[in-house]
């Protein structure tokens, strides 16, 4: 069988030239190698595209994972802030009830008609991402409502505080003397002059004649003059607090009836007038509505230290004879 011959066209000689056997063999082999390389490259590209990820895709996945972790951390912080706001709201409710004797703003009342966060927009994402986004959105929504509720609560507390400020200023809250030592408290005592056991409607502070006496709350002077065994007396009305304070056995009042006074203002000097066995100040706190005597020691808490209050309390409980 004749051997095949191969030719190639020589453009310079304008004729066909026979390819020598060695050169033809190498050309054939090169074509085979190139063909196989092309096949393997095609298969490799197909495998990589179907089972592997590109460097760009790998970088994007890593970035998404970092963002997911940061979002989870932010969500945890938001939940902590929400818990703190809840604790602050509980504290505010106590302020409403104990200080202002009012009902706090109801969270149910505030949230009435307020829509929650929409979470169906996250369904198009993968399950872990959708759940994280849904939780974060709900936390944001709850935190926003809590902040608005707390803002309204503070505004209401401020309004109540302003309305109660004058009332609080009229609450007897300080000692009537700069330095006071209580020798006879509130309750049944033996009268040192009348020699009978009777109600001691106030407390006694022994002090030299001429010691400055101060108003224990804002108010208006209701009476200045002499009242039987009380001797010289100054009485101050505190209508917003439903209280009246009485300062007895004075040597010299320095205020007049109808005159407004402020807490801590000088109103008189102590003395030894009326049924008194020694120089002292007799001080009373009464309910204005029915003239019922109240224990003045309970009103000294804001105006003295814990140690001073304890000493006053112990002295008031002793069964000692009063000075009047």
Protein backbone atom coordinates (compact mmCIF):
# COMPACT_ATOMS: atom_id res chain seq x y z
CA UNK A 1 0.00 0.00 0.00
CA UNK A 2 1.55 3.28 -1.08
CA UNK A 3 2.64 5.61 1.65
CA UNK A 4 0.67 8.84 1.94
CA UNK A 5 2.42 12.01 0.98
CA UNK A 6 1.76 15.43 2.44
CA UNK A 7 2.29 18.74 0.74
CA UNK A 8 2.21 22.33 1.73
CA UNK A 9 1.98 25.39 -0.51
CA UNK A 10 5.11 27.53 -0.79
CA UNK A 11 3.99 31.08 -1.45
CA UNK A 12 7.41 32.28 -2.47
CA UNK A 13 7.93 29.52 -5.03
CA UNK A 14 4.23 29.48 -5.96
CA UNK A 15 4.22 25.68 -5.93
CA UNK A 16 3.37 22.71 -3.69
CA UNK A 17 6.23 21.22 -1.76
CA UNK A 18 6.16 17.73 -0.35
CA UNK A 19 6.39 17.50 3.43
CA UNK A 20 9.20 15.38 4.61
CA UNK A 21 8.14 12.42 6.76
CA UNK A 22 9.71 13.61 10.05
CA UNK A 23 8.14 17.03 9.81
CA UNK A 24 4.71 15.58 9.03
CA UNK A 25 4.95 13.24 12.00
CA UNK A 26 5.73 16.09 14.37
CA UNK A 27 2.90 18.19 13.01
CA UNK A 28 0.47 15.32 13.52
CA UNK A 29 1.67 14.72 17.05
CA UNK A 30 1.46 18.45 17.85
CA UNK A 31 -2.10 18.55 16.59
CA UNK A 32 -3.02 15.57 18.74
CA UNK A 33 -1.43 17.14 21.83
CA UNK A 34 -3.14 20.48 21.17
CA UNK A 35 -6.47 18.71 20.72
CA UNK A 36 -6.09 16.76 23.94
CA UNK A 37 -5.06 19.91 25.81
CA UNK A 38 -8.15 21.69 24.53
CA UNK A 39 -10.35 18.80 25.62
CA UNK A 40 -8.80 18.65 29.10
CA UNK A 41 -9.07 22.43 29.48
CA UNK A 42 -12.73 22.35 28.50
CA UNK A 43 -13.46 19.55 30.96
CA UNK A 44 -11.55 21.38 33.72
CA UNK A 45 -13.49 24.58 33.17
CA UNK A 46 -16.76 22.66 33.24
CA UNK A 47 -15.86 20.88 36.49
CA UNK A 48 -14.73 24.12 38.16
CA UNK A 49 -17.88 25.95 37.12
CA UNK A 50 -20.16 23.17 38.37
CA UNK A 51 -18.48 22.12 41.64
CA UNK A 52 -16.08 24.86 42.75
CA UNK A 53 -16.16 28.60 43.65
CA UNK A 54 -14.16 31.43 42.27
CA UNK A 55 -11.86 33.57 44.48
CA UNK A 56 -14.34 36.45 44.19
CA UNK A 57 -17.20 34.25 45.36
CA UNK A 58 -15.10 32.91 48.22
CA UNK A 59 -14.25 36.46 49.34
CA UNK A 60 -17.93 37.42 49.18
CA UNK A 61 -18.93 34.43 51.31
CA UNK A 62 -16.33 35.36 53.93
CA UNK A 63 -17.55 38.96 53.95
CA UNK A 64 -21.16 37.83 54.37
CA UNK A 65 -20.17 35.62 57.29
CA UNK A 66 -18.36 38.52 59.02
CA UNK A 67 -21.37 40.80 58.48
CA UNK A 68 -23.67 38.10 59.86
CA UNK A 69 -21.53 37.82 63.01
CA UNK A 70 -21.48 41.61 63.47
CA UNK A 71 -25.27 41.76 63.03
CA UNK A 72 -25.72 39.04 65.64
CA UNK A 73 -23.49 40.97 68.06
CA UNK A 74 -25.42 44.20 67.42
CA UNK A 75 -28.68 42.35 68.02
CA UNK A 76 -27.39 41.13 71.39
CA UNK A 77 -26.48 44.69 72.39
CA UNK A 78 -29.91 45.94 71.33
CA UNK A 79 -31.56 43.27 73.43
CA UNK A 80 -29.46 44.37 76.41
CA UNK A 81 -30.52 48.01 75.88
CA UNK A 82 -34.14 46.89 75.74
CA UNK A 83 -33.76 45.07 79.07
CA UNK A 84 -32.24 48.18 80.65
CA UNK A 85 -35.13 50.32 79.37
CA UNK A 86 -37.56 47.81 80.84
CA UNK A 87 -35.85 48.09 84.25
CA UNK A 88 -35.97 51.89 83.99
CA UNK A 89 -39.68 51.72 83.19
CA UNK A 90 -40.27 49.63 86.32
CA UNK A 91 -38.40 52.26 88.35
CA UNK A 92 -40.59 54.98 86.84
CA UNK A 93 -43.73 53.08 87.78
CA UNK A 94 -42.53 53.08 91.39
CA UNK A 95 -41.99 56.85 91.17
CA UNK A 96 -45.53 57.32 89.89
CA UNK A 97 -47.03 55.20 92.64
CA UNK A 98 -44.94 56.20 95.67
CA UNK A 99 -43.97 59.80 95.01
CA UNK A 100 -46.79 61.20 92.91
CA UNK A 101 -49.54 58.76 93.91
CA UNK A 102 -50.55 58.52 90.25
CA UNK A 103 -51.04 55.73 87.75
CA UNK A 104 -48.12 55.25 85.34
CA UNK A 105 -48.59 55.28 81.58
CA UNK A 106 -49.82 51.87 80.47
CA UNK A 107 -47.71 50.16 77.84
CA UNK A 108 -50.87 48.53 76.48
CA UNK A 109 -52.40 51.97 76.07
CA UNK A 110 -49.32 53.25 74.30
CA UNK A 111 -48.99 50.31 71.90
CA UNK A 112 -52.69 50.37 70.95
CA UNK A 113 -52.81 50.92 67.21
CA UNK A 114 -49.04 50.75 66.80
CA UNK A 115 -48.00 48.20 64.17
CA UNK A 116 -45.11 45.83 64.63
CA UNK A 117 -42.17 45.22 62.35
CA UNK A 118 -42.76 43.49 58.97
CA UNK A 119 -40.66 40.37 58.73
CA UNK A 120 -42.01 38.70 55.57
CA UNK A 121 -39.57 40.76 53.46
CA UNK A 122 -36.75 38.51 54.69
CA UNK A 123 -38.18 35.26 53.35
CA UNK A 124 -36.16 35.54 50.14
CA UNK A 125 -32.89 35.07 52.04
CA UNK A 126 -31.39 31.87 53.37
CA UNK A 127 -32.93 30.52 56.57
CA UNK A 128 -30.11 31.59 58.98
CA UNK A 129 -29.87 35.07 57.46
CA UNK A 130 -33.64 35.53 57.37
CA UNK A 131 -33.99 34.50 61.02
CA UNK A 132 -31.20 36.86 62.11
CA UNK A 133 -32.67 39.77 60.15
CA UNK A 134 -36.14 39.00 61.50
CA UNK A 135 -34.92 38.95 65.13
CA UNK A 136 -32.96 42.18 64.68
CA UNK A 137 -35.93 43.93 63.08
CA UNK A 138 -38.22 42.87 65.93
CA UNK A 139 -35.68 44.06 68.49
CA UNK A 140 -35.41 47.43 66.76
CA UNK A 141 -39.19 47.73 66.74
CA UNK A 142 -39.48 46.88 70.44
CA UNK A 143 -36.63 49.23 71.34
CA UNK A 144 -38.22 52.07 69.38
CA UNK A 145 -41.55 51.63 71.14
CA UNK A 146 -39.83 51.45 74.53
CA UNK A 147 -37.92 54.67 73.84
CA UNK A 148 -41.09 56.49 72.83
CA UNK A 149 -42.93 55.19 75.87
CA UNK A 150 -40.06 56.22 78.16
CA UNK A 151 -39.96 59.66 76.57
CA UNK A 152 -43.67 60.13 77.24
CA UNK A 153 -43.19 58.85 80.76
CA UNK A 154 -40.44 61.38 81.48
CA UNK A 155 -42.59 64.19 80.11
CA UNK A 156 -45.45 63.12 82.36
CA UNK A 157 -43.15 62.84 85.38
CA UNK A 158 -41.81 66.32 84.68
CA UNK A 159 -45.34 67.68 84.49
CA UNK A 160 -46.30 65.98 87.75
CA UNK A 161 -43.13 67.21 89.42
CA UNK A 162 -43.87 70.80 88.41
CA UNK A 163 -47.44 70.52 89.65
CA UNK A 164 -46.30 68.96 92.92
CA UNK A 165 -43.31 71.22 93.49
CA UNK A 166 -45.32 73.80 95.44
CA UNK A 167 -47.02 71.02 97.40
CA UNK A 168 -43.69 69.42 98.24
CA UNK A 169 -42.32 72.77 99.37
CA UNK A 170 -45.25 73.02 101.80
CA UNK A 171 -44.52 69.66 103.38
CA UNK A 172 -42.84 70.13 106.82
CA UNK A 173 -39.46 68.54 106.26
CA UNK A 174 -36.72 70.17 108.34
CA UNK A 175 -35.95 70.80 112.00
CA UNK A 176 -37.20 74.14 113.38
CA UNK A 177 -33.79 74.71 115.02
CA UNK A 178 -30.33 74.61 113.50
CA UNK A 179 -29.15 72.32 116.28
CA UNK A 180 -31.80 70.34 118.05
CA UNK A 181 -31.81 67.85 120.90
CA UNK A 182 -35.19 66.28 121.54
CA UNK A 183 -36.10 65.62 125.18
CA UNK A 184 -39.80 64.80 124.98
CA UNK A 185 -41.55 63.09 122.14
CA UNK A 186 -45.06 62.76 120.78
CA UNK A 187 -47.67 60.85 122.82
CA UNK A 188 -49.02 60.50 126.33
CA UNK A 189 -46.81 62.31 128.84
CA UNK A 190 -47.07 63.52 132.42
CA UNK A 191 -47.43 67.30 132.48
CA UNK A 192 -44.71 68.76 134.75
CA UNK A 193 -46.93 71.57 136.08
CA UNK A 194 -50.46 70.19 135.99
CA UNK A 195 -49.26 66.81 137.35
CA UNK A 196 -51.60 64.88 135.08
CA UNK A 197 -51.02 62.45 132.25
CA UNK A 198 -52.19 63.99 129.02
CA UNK A 199 -51.52 63.94 125.31
CA UNK A 200 -48.31 65.70 124.34
CA UNK A 201 -49.25 66.79 120.81
CA UNK A 202 -45.76 67.76 119.72
CA UNK A 203 -42.08 67.47 120.59
CA UNK A 204 -39.87 69.57 122.89
CA UNK A 205 -36.41 70.90 122.07
CA UNK A 206 -34.51 72.38 125.05
CA UNK A 207 -32.69 75.51 123.89
CA UNK A 208 -31.59 78.83 125.41
CA UNK A 209 -33.93 81.82 125.22
CA UNK A 210 -33.33 83.76 122.02
CA UNK A 211 -32.42 80.79 119.80
CA UNK A 212 -33.56 81.39 116.18
CA UNK A 213 -36.62 79.38 115.13
CA UNK A 214 -37.19 78.60 111.45
CA UNK A 215 -40.24 77.68 109.36
CA UNK A 216 -40.15 74.01 108.46
CA UNK A 217 -42.04 74.47 105.17
CA UNK A 218 -43.41 77.10 102.80
CA UNK A 219 -46.75 78.54 103.85
CA UNK A 220 -48.64 81.51 105.23
CA UNK A 221 -48.60 82.76 108.81
CA UNK A 222 -52.08 82.07 110.20
CA UNK A 223 -51.68 83.28 113.78
CA UNK A 224 -49.19 85.23 115.90
CA UNK A 225 -50.03 85.79 119.58
CA UNK A 226 -50.66 84.04 122.89
CA UNK A 227 -52.54 80.74 123.26
CA UNK A 228 -53.01 79.77 126.94
CA UNK A 229 -50.35 77.35 128.15
CA UNK A 230 -48.50 77.59 124.82
CA UNK A 231 -47.39 81.13 125.63
CA UNK A 232 -46.29 83.12 122.58
CA UNK A 233 -47.13 81.15 119.44
CA UNK A 234 -46.60 81.31 115.68
CA UNK A 235 -48.87 79.12 113.56
CA UNK A 236 -48.26 78.58 109.84
CA UNK A 237 -50.75 77.08 107.37
CA UNK A 238 -49.52 74.84 104.56
CA UNK A 239 -52.75 74.32 102.58
CA UNK A 240 -51.31 72.41 99.60
CA UNK A 241 -49.87 69.83 102.00
CA UNK A 242 -52.94 69.90 104.29
CA UNK A 243 -50.72 70.75 107.25
CA UNK A 244 -50.38 73.35 110.00
CA UNK A 245 -47.24 73.83 112.09
CA UNK A 246 -47.18 75.41 115.56
CA UNK A 247 -44.14 76.92 117.31
CA UNK A 248 -44.77 77.61 121.02
CA UNK A 249 -43.23 79.18 124.17
CA UNK A 250 -41.51 81.81 122.01
CA UNK A 251 -39.85 84.92 123.37
CA UNK A 252 -40.31 87.07 120.27
CA UNK A 253 -42.02 86.39 116.92
CA UNK A 254 -40.61 88.22 113.90
CA UNK A 255 -43.44 87.55 111.42
CA UNK A 256 -47.02 88.77 111.17
CA UNK A 257 -50.31 87.03 110.39
CA UNK A 258 -50.99 86.81 106.66
CA UNK A 259 -47.30 86.97 105.76
CA UNK A 260 -45.96 84.31 103.35
CA UNK A 261 -42.92 82.40 104.61
CA UNK A 262 -40.44 80.02 103.02
CA UNK A 263 -38.90 76.88 104.39
CA UNK A 264 -35.85 77.80 106.48
CA UNK A 265 -36.97 81.41 107.01
CA UNK A 266 -36.49 82.94 110.47
CA UNK A 267 -39.92 83.34 112.11
CA UNK A 268 -39.22 83.80 115.83
CA UNK A 269 -36.85 83.36 118.77
CA UNK A 270 -37.31 80.65 121.37
CA UNK A 271 -38.33 81.50 124.92
CA UNK A 272 -39.84 80.40 128.23
CA UNK A 273 -43.43 81.69 128.02
CA UNK A 274 -46.70 79.95 128.98
CA UNK A 275 -46.77 76.74 131.04
CA UNK A 276 -43.11 75.91 130.73
CA UNK A 277 -40.61 74.60 133.26
CA UNK A 278 -37.49 75.51 131.27
CA UNK A 279 -36.52 77.39 128.10
CA UNK A 280 -37.44 75.25 125.11
CA UNK A 281 -39.31 75.14 121.81
CA UNK A 282 -42.52 73.15 121.57
CA UNK A 283 -43.20 72.16 117.94
CA UNK A 284 -46.36 70.60 116.49
CA UNK A 285 -47.51 69.35 113.09
CA UNK A 286 -51.29 69.09 112.60
CA UNK A 287 -53.53 68.02 109.77
CA UNK A 288 -55.23 71.15 108.51
CA UNK A 289 -58.53 69.47 107.58
CA UNK A 290 -59.41 68.10 111.03
CA UNK A 291 -56.72 69.57 113.33
CA UNK A 292 -55.45 66.10 114.21
CA UNK A 293 -51.96 66.15 115.74
CA UNK A 294 -49.28 64.18 113.84
CA UNK A 295 -45.93 62.96 115.08
CA UNK A 296 -43.41 65.61 113.96
CA UNK A 297 -40.50 63.15 114.14
CA UNK A 298 -41.73 61.46 110.96
CA UNK A 299 -41.30 64.75 109.07
CA UNK A 300 -37.64 65.21 109.99
CA UNK A 301 -36.32 62.45 107.73
CA UNK A 302 -35.43 64.68 104.71
CA UNK A 303 -33.78 67.29 106.91
CA UNK A 304 -31.41 65.23 109.06
CA UNK A 305 -28.79 62.53 108.66
CA UNK A 306 -29.54 58.89 109.42
CA UNK A 307 -27.65 59.13 112.72
CA UNK A 308 -29.45 62.32 113.76
CA UNK A 309 -32.82 60.84 112.90
CA UNK A 310 -32.09 57.70 114.90
CA UNK A 311 -31.14 59.80 117.94
CA UNK A 312 -34.35 61.84 117.61
CA UNK A 313 -36.41 58.70 117.24
CA UNK A 314 -34.90 57.09 120.33
CA UNK A 315 -35.40 60.26 122.39
CA UNK A 316 -39.00 60.58 121.23
CA UNK A 317 -39.77 57.06 122.42
CA UNK A 318 -38.50 57.64 125.95
CA UNK A 319 -41.15 58.09 128.64
CA UNK A 320 -39.67 61.32 129.97
CA UNK A 321 -41.59 64.25 131.36
CA UNK A 322 -42.23 67.10 128.98
CA UNK A 323 -41.32 70.73 129.60
CA UNK A 324 -44.92 71.87 129.04
